[in-house]
Structures are given as C-alpha cells and as structure tokens.
Protein backbone atom coordinates (compact mmCIF):
# COMPACT_ATOMS: atom_id res chain seq x y z
CA MET A 1 -25.84 44.92 6.84
CA LEU A 2 -26.25 41.31 7.89
CA VAL A 3 -23.49 38.70 7.53
CA VAL A 4 -24.48 35.03 7.35
CA SER A 5 -21.93 32.23 7.33
CA ALA A 6 -22.16 29.85 4.37
CA CYS A 7 -21.18 27.09 6.79
CA ASP A 8 -23.74 27.86 9.52
CA GLY A 9 -26.65 29.30 7.56
CA VAL A 10 -29.18 31.65 9.13
CA THR A 11 -28.89 31.49 12.91
CA ARG A 12 -31.43 32.51 15.55
CA GLU A 13 -29.31 35.58 16.17
CA ALA A 14 -29.53 36.59 12.50
CA GLU A 15 -33.31 36.09 12.53
CA GLU A 16 -33.53 38.32 15.60
CA HIS A 17 -31.45 41.00 13.87
CA VAL A 18 -33.86 40.95 10.93
CA ARG A 19 -36.85 41.27 13.28
CA LEU A 20 -35.21 44.18 15.11
CA ALA A 21 -34.38 45.93 11.83
CA ARG A 22 -38.02 45.59 10.73
CA TRP A 23 -39.21 46.90 14.09
CA ALA A 24 -36.82 49.86 13.86
CA GLY A 25 -38.09 50.71 10.38
CA VAL A 26 -34.87 49.97 8.52
CA PRO A 27 -35.86 50.33 4.84
CA GLN A 28 -33.29 47.96 3.36
CA VAL A 29 -30.76 45.37 4.47
CA VAL A 30 -27.72 44.05 2.59
CA VAL A 31 -26.97 40.40 3.36
CA PHE A 32 -23.50 38.99 2.74
CA VAL A 33 -22.89 35.25 2.73
CA ASN A 34 -19.44 34.93 4.29
CA LYS A 35 -17.00 31.98 4.37
CA ALA A 36 -18.15 30.86 0.93
CA ASP A 37 -14.73 29.35 0.26
CA LEU A 38 -15.16 27.00 3.22
CA GLN A 39 -18.43 25.61 1.87
CA ASP A 40 -17.44 23.28 -0.98
CA ASP A 41 -20.95 22.06 -1.76
CA PRO A 42 -22.77 24.52 -4.06
CA GLU A 43 -26.13 22.99 -3.05
CA LEU A 44 -25.55 23.93 0.59
CA ARG A 45 -24.66 27.48 -0.49
CA ASN A 46 -27.98 27.60 -2.35
CA VAL A 47 -29.73 26.38 0.81
CA THR A 48 -28.13 29.22 2.78
CA GLU A 49 -29.32 31.76 0.20
CA ALA A 50 -32.83 30.26 0.36
CA GLU A 51 -32.75 30.52 4.17
CA VAL A 52 -31.86 34.20 3.85
CA GLY A 53 -34.79 34.68 1.49
CA SER A 54 -37.14 32.99 3.95
CA CYS A 55 -35.81 35.07 6.81
CA CYS A 56 -36.41 38.31 4.90
CA ALA A 57 -39.73 37.23 3.38
CA GLY A 58 -42.82 39.12 4.32
CA THR A 59 -41.06 42.42 4.86
CA GLY A 60 -42.81 43.95 1.87
CA THR A 61 -39.88 46.20 1.04
CA TRP A 62 -36.87 43.92 1.31
CA GLU A 63 -35.73 41.88 -1.64
CA PRO A 64 -32.78 39.83 -0.43
CA ARG A 65 -29.66 39.77 -2.55
CA CYS A 66 -26.89 37.56 -1.27
CA PRO A 67 -23.43 38.25 -2.59
CA SER A 68 -20.96 35.61 -1.43
CA CYS A 69 -17.61 36.66 -0.05
CA SER A 70 -14.52 35.23 1.59
CA ALA A 71 -11.52 36.77 3.27
CA PRO A 72 -8.33 36.63 1.19
CA ARG A 73 -5.82 34.09 2.36
C-alpha cells in the first residue's frame, strides 16, 4: 500500500518505495490519495492521480487505481 498526499503529490520517497516494491517482486500495489479534502482544486487532484500513474508506469503488472480518502473530522 502506498499513500500519496493530494496536497504534495508523488514525492521522491514515494517513487523510491515503488522502485523497491518492483525490485522485491511485489505483484500489486494499492495507492491511496490522502488529504483529498484539503485539496480544493479538482484539477490538482487529477494531476496527483496522473503523477501516480506515471510513477507506476512500466511495471507491466501494475495498473494504478487511486481512491481518494480523508480522515473524518
């Protein structure tokens, strides 16, 4: 499972986690876009989801799905 902030997007740390998961032979990764309620601009949320897709591209077996979530207040 990988959690990506809707506010920060895909960080270098997240990219490294994806590379390590590939290296370790992890067959599938679930990516959650967190803090969606703090990102008011739907276009920026779409950019974050596109960044996740780019980060996971080329794995051959991973098809990124990005459910958005937020902690209840």
